[in-house]
Protein backbone atom coordinates (compact mmCIF):
# COMPACT_ATOMS: atom_id res chain seq x y z
CA MET A 1 30.18 40.36 -43.43
CA PHE A 2 27.53 38.95 -41.97
CA ASN A 3 28.14 35.51 -39.60
CA ARG A 4 25.27 33.27 -39.04
CA GLN A 5 27.27 31.16 -37.19
CA ARG A 6 28.68 33.92 -35.05
CA LEU A 7 25.44 35.15 -34.56
CA ILE A 8 24.13 31.73 -33.52
CA ASN A 9 26.97 31.23 -31.49
CA SER A 10 26.51 34.20 -29.51
CA LEU A 11 22.96 33.65 -28.97
CA SER A 12 24.11 30.06 -27.72
CA HIS A 13 26.74 31.55 -25.04
CA GLY A 14 24.92 34.98 -23.96
CA THR A 15 26.86 37.36 -25.81
CA LEU A 16 23.66 38.56 -27.80
CA SER A 17 20.61 38.09 -24.77
CA VAL A 18 17.79 37.68 -26.88
CA PRO A 19 14.79 38.34 -24.07
CA TRP A 20 12.79 35.01 -24.97
CA LEU A 21 10.10 35.24 -21.76
CA THR A 22 9.93 38.80 -22.38
CA LEU A 23 8.89 38.13 -25.97
CA ILE A 24 6.68 35.40 -24.90
CA LEU A 25 5.01 37.27 -22.20
CA ALA A 26 4.58 39.99 -24.72
CA GLY A 27 2.92 38.32 -27.41
CA LEU A 28 0.47 36.19 -25.45
CA THR A 29 -0.39 39.59 -24.13
CA GLY A 30 -1.31 41.07 -27.61
CA MET A 31 -3.11 37.60 -28.39
CA ILE A 32 -5.18 38.13 -25.14
CA TYR A 33 -6.40 41.58 -26.56
CA TRP A 34 -7.28 40.70 -29.77
CA ALA A 35 -9.07 37.52 -29.03
CA GLY A 36 -12.04 40.29 -27.93
CA ARG A 37 -14.59 41.74 -25.66
CA GLY A 38 -15.30 38.18 -24.58
CA LEU A 39 -12.17 37.30 -22.88
CA PHE A 40 -11.35 40.69 -21.79
CA ASP A 41 -14.61 40.18 -19.50
CA LEU A 42 -13.58 36.82 -18.19
CA CYS A 43 -9.91 38.74 -17.13
CA ILE A 44 -10.29 41.87 -16.24
CA LEU A 45 -10.20 42.59 -12.24
CA GLU A 46 -13.67 43.53 -10.73
CA LYS A 47 -14.25 43.09 -7.55
CA SER A 48 -17.16 41.95 -7.29
CA THR A 49 -16.69 38.86 -9.13
CA ILE A 50 -13.30 38.25 -6.94
CA LEU A 51 -15.18 38.15 -3.67
CA GLN A 52 -17.12 35.78 -5.01
CA GLY A 53 -14.71 33.35 -5.86
CA GLN A 54 -13.39 33.89 -9.00
CA ALA A 55 -10.19 34.29 -7.91
CA TRP A 56 -7.93 33.76 -11.68
CA ARG A 57 -8.74 37.39 -11.99
CA LEU A 58 -6.11 38.10 -9.69
CA LEU A 59 -3.64 37.32 -12.60
CA THR A 60 -5.47 37.39 -15.39
CA GLY A 61 -6.91 40.89 -14.89
CA HIS A 62 -2.82 42.50 -15.80
CA PHE A 63 -3.41 41.08 -19.53
CA VAL A 64 -6.61 42.89 -20.62
CA HIS A 65 -6.43 46.16 -22.19
CA CYS A 66 -9.05 48.98 -22.49
CA ASN A 67 -7.60 50.14 -25.99
CA PHE A 68 -4.69 49.75 -28.33
CA GLU A 69 -2.71 52.97 -27.02
CA HIS A 70 -3.50 51.47 -23.38
CA LEU A 71 -1.30 47.81 -24.86
CA PHE A 72 0.93 49.31 -26.92
CA TRP A 73 2.43 51.74 -23.39
CA ASP A 74 2.19 49.18 -21.24
CA LEU A 75 4.06 46.55 -23.74
CA LEU A 76 6.31 49.13 -24.53
CA GLY A 77 7.43 49.38 -20.62
CA LEU A 78 6.88 44.82 -20.39
CA VAL A 79 9.56 44.91 -23.19
CA ILE A 80 11.91 47.33 -21.74
CA LEU A 81 11.94 46.06 -18.31
CA GLY A 82 11.59 42.10 -18.73
CA ALA A 83 14.60 42.47 -21.20
CA MET A 84 17.05 44.52 -18.72
CA ILE A 85 15.82 41.77 -15.84
CA GLU A 86 16.54 38.99 -18.49
CA ARG A 87 19.80 40.35 -19.12
CA HIS A 88 20.81 39.80 -15.58
CA ASP A 89 19.04 37.28 -13.96
CA ARG A 90 15.68 36.04 -16.06
CA SER A 91 14.68 33.37 -13.25
CA GLN A 92 13.31 36.79 -11.28
CA LEU A 93 11.37 37.85 -14.00
CA PHE A 94 8.12 35.81 -13.89
CA PRO A 95 7.84 36.00 -10.14
CA SER A 96 9.16 38.88 -9.79
CA LEU A 97 6.08 39.55 -12.71
CA MET A 98 3.44 37.87 -10.70
CA TYR A 99 4.37 39.12 -7.16
CA CYS A 100 3.65 42.66 -8.01
CA CYS A 101 0.37 41.59 -10.16
CA LEU A 102 -0.67 40.16 -6.82
CA GLY A 103 0.78 43.34 -4.75
CA VAL A 104 -1.50 45.68 -6.97
CA SER A 105 -4.46 42.96 -6.92
CA VAL A 106 -4.25 43.24 -3.39
CA TRP A 107 -4.62 46.78 -3.20
CA PHE A 108 -7.44 46.90 -5.83
CA ALA A 109 -9.75 44.51 -4.11
CA TRP A 110 -9.20 44.52 -0.44
CA GLY A 111 -7.69 48.40 -0.57
CA ASP A 112 -8.78 51.68 -0.82
CA SER A 113 -8.87 51.70 -4.76
CA PRO A 114 -12.34 53.70 -5.54
CA PHE A 115 -12.16 51.75 -8.53
CA ILE A 116 -15.27 48.66 -9.43
CA SER A 117 -13.12 47.15 -12.15
CA TYR A 118 -9.32 47.45 -13.13
CA CYS A 119 -7.38 46.17 -16.03
CA GLY A 120 -3.34 46.45 -17.40
CA LEU A 121 0.43 46.03 -16.66
CA SER A 122 1.07 50.00 -16.01
CA GLY A 123 0.91 49.15 -11.78
CA ALA A 124 2.76 45.57 -12.17
CA LEU A 125 5.55 47.43 -14.29
CA ASN A 126 6.35 49.94 -11.66
CA GLY A 127 6.72 47.25 -9.61
CA LEU A 128 9.06 45.28 -12.28
CA LEU A 129 11.07 48.67 -12.74
CA VAL A 130 12.53 48.58 -9.12
CA VAL A 131 13.60 45.35 -9.97
CA ALA A 132 15.50 46.29 -13.10
CA VAL A 133 17.03 49.17 -10.97
CA GLY A 134 18.36 46.77 -8.40
CA LEU A 135 19.59 44.29 -10.44
CA HIS A 136 21.63 46.58 -12.91
CA TYR A 137 22.86 48.96 -9.93
CA ARG A 138 23.93 45.99 -8.05
CA VAL A 139 26.28 45.40 -11.27
CA THR A 140 27.07 48.68 -12.25
CA LYS A 141 26.32 51.47 -9.73
CA ASN A 142 25.90 53.41 -11.79
CA LYS A 143 23.25 56.41 -9.75
CA ILE A 144 21.68 57.01 -12.87
CA TYR A 145 19.58 54.10 -12.05
CA ILE A 146 19.13 55.86 -8.52
CA LEU A 147 17.81 58.51 -10.59
CA ALA A 148 15.28 56.42 -12.34
CA ILE A 149 14.04 55.44 -9.19
CA VAL A 150 13.89 59.03 -7.80
CA LEU A 151 12.04 60.19 -11.02
CA THR A 152 9.20 57.47 -10.71
CA VAL A 153 8.72 58.58 -7.33
CA ILE A 154 7.82 62.13 -8.39
CA LYS A 155 5.69 60.89 -11.54
CA MET A 156 4.13 59.02 -8.76
CA VAL A 157 3.44 62.35 -6.44
CA PHE A 158 2.19 63.69 -10.18
CA GLU A 159 -0.21 61.14 -10.31
CA PHE A 160 -1.45 61.67 -6.85
CA THR A 161 -1.58 65.47 -6.39
CA THR A 162 -3.19 66.24 -10.28
CA HIS A 163 -5.01 62.56 -10.96
CA GLN A 164 -3.70 62.17 -14.58
CA THR A 165 -1.08 60.14 -15.96
CA ILE A 166 2.01 60.71 -18.22
CA PHE A 167 1.44 57.69 -20.54
CA THR A 168 -1.56 56.49 -21.08
CA ASP A 169 -5.23 57.82 -20.81
CA LEU A 170 -7.55 54.81 -19.22
CA ALA A 171 -11.04 55.85 -18.97
CA SER A 172 -10.03 59.21 -18.72
CA GLN A 173 -9.36 58.21 -14.70
CA SER A 174 -5.77 57.78 -13.40
CA VAL A 175 -5.30 55.40 -11.26
CA PRO A 176 -2.10 56.11 -9.30
CA GLY A 177 -2.78 53.88 -6.20
CA ALA A 178 -2.06 50.80 -8.70
CA HIS A 179 0.85 52.38 -9.41
CA ALA A 180 1.89 52.77 -6.00
CA ALA A 181 0.82 49.00 -5.04
CA GLY A 182 3.19 48.08 -7.78
CA PHE A 183 6.32 50.01 -6.59
CA ILE A 184 5.68 48.70 -2.97
CA THR A 185 5.25 45.31 -4.20
CA GLY A 186 8.41 45.95 -6.25
CA LEU A 187 10.32 47.20 -3.16
CA LEU A 188 9.58 44.14 -1.28
CA PHE A 189 10.53 41.30 -3.42
CA VAL A 190 14.12 42.88 -3.88
CA PHE A 191 14.72 43.55 -0.63
CA PHE A 192 13.24 39.73 0.61
CA ASN A 193 15.44 38.59 -2.48
CA GLN A 194 18.82 40.21 -0.94
CA MET A 195 17.56 38.63 2.57
CA LYS A 196 17.07 35.77 0.57
CA GLU A 197 20.88 35.65 -1.06
CA LYS A 198 22.21 36.70 2.32
CA ARG A 199 20.72 33.96 4.65
CA PHE A 200 22.13 31.38 1.46
CA VAL A 201 25.97 33.05 1.39
CA LYS A 202 25.64 32.88 4.98
CA SER A 203 24.77 29.48 5.26
CA GLY A 204 27.08 28.25 2.21
CA LEU A 205 30.25 30.12 4.41
CA SER A 206 28.87 28.38 8.02
CA GLY A 207 29.34 24.90 6.29
CA ALA A 208 32.82 25.44 4.94
CA ILE A 209 34.55 27.02 8.04
CA SER A 210 32.08 23.80 10.10
CA SER A 211 34.19 21.41 7.23
């Protein structure tokens, strides 16, 4: 029998965790897509406009999409990975996503990207995958998460060698460099976050001993 109060209590105390931040981000991304071409042109990553000082595109370019299929796969990945991150540490979702977006943007604007424009979350999602897997592996020690990383690396190698994407088709061109940039940024985010936690624990122990 359905118990409304039990459901409310579960939502309040974390027994049934709703990934609110992820759903809000997904909703905003969908709204941007439906807003039309004008907003798309204002937000898309373009090398020429970035170098002219339109720095907002370094972030906004990841939240616009060239077609509905592109949007669908990116939102699916965002919802799955965002929910995984929020389940263990909600505070890491927004900064990890922003860092991964910026990592891809740096590769695009100042790296060896052969493209003059870029849009979508697929690159950043490769970084979010690393963050989500890292959080879950620390808690469960389940080797299935290591397998997920290995399969992601195999996917990127496939993209580099065949110049094809597995899920989406962005103007008939793959963007393996963006996926690799996001993946590496995710690794760096996890690494520096763990170093920060270790320093915090070490300083806490030192303070306890001195007191």
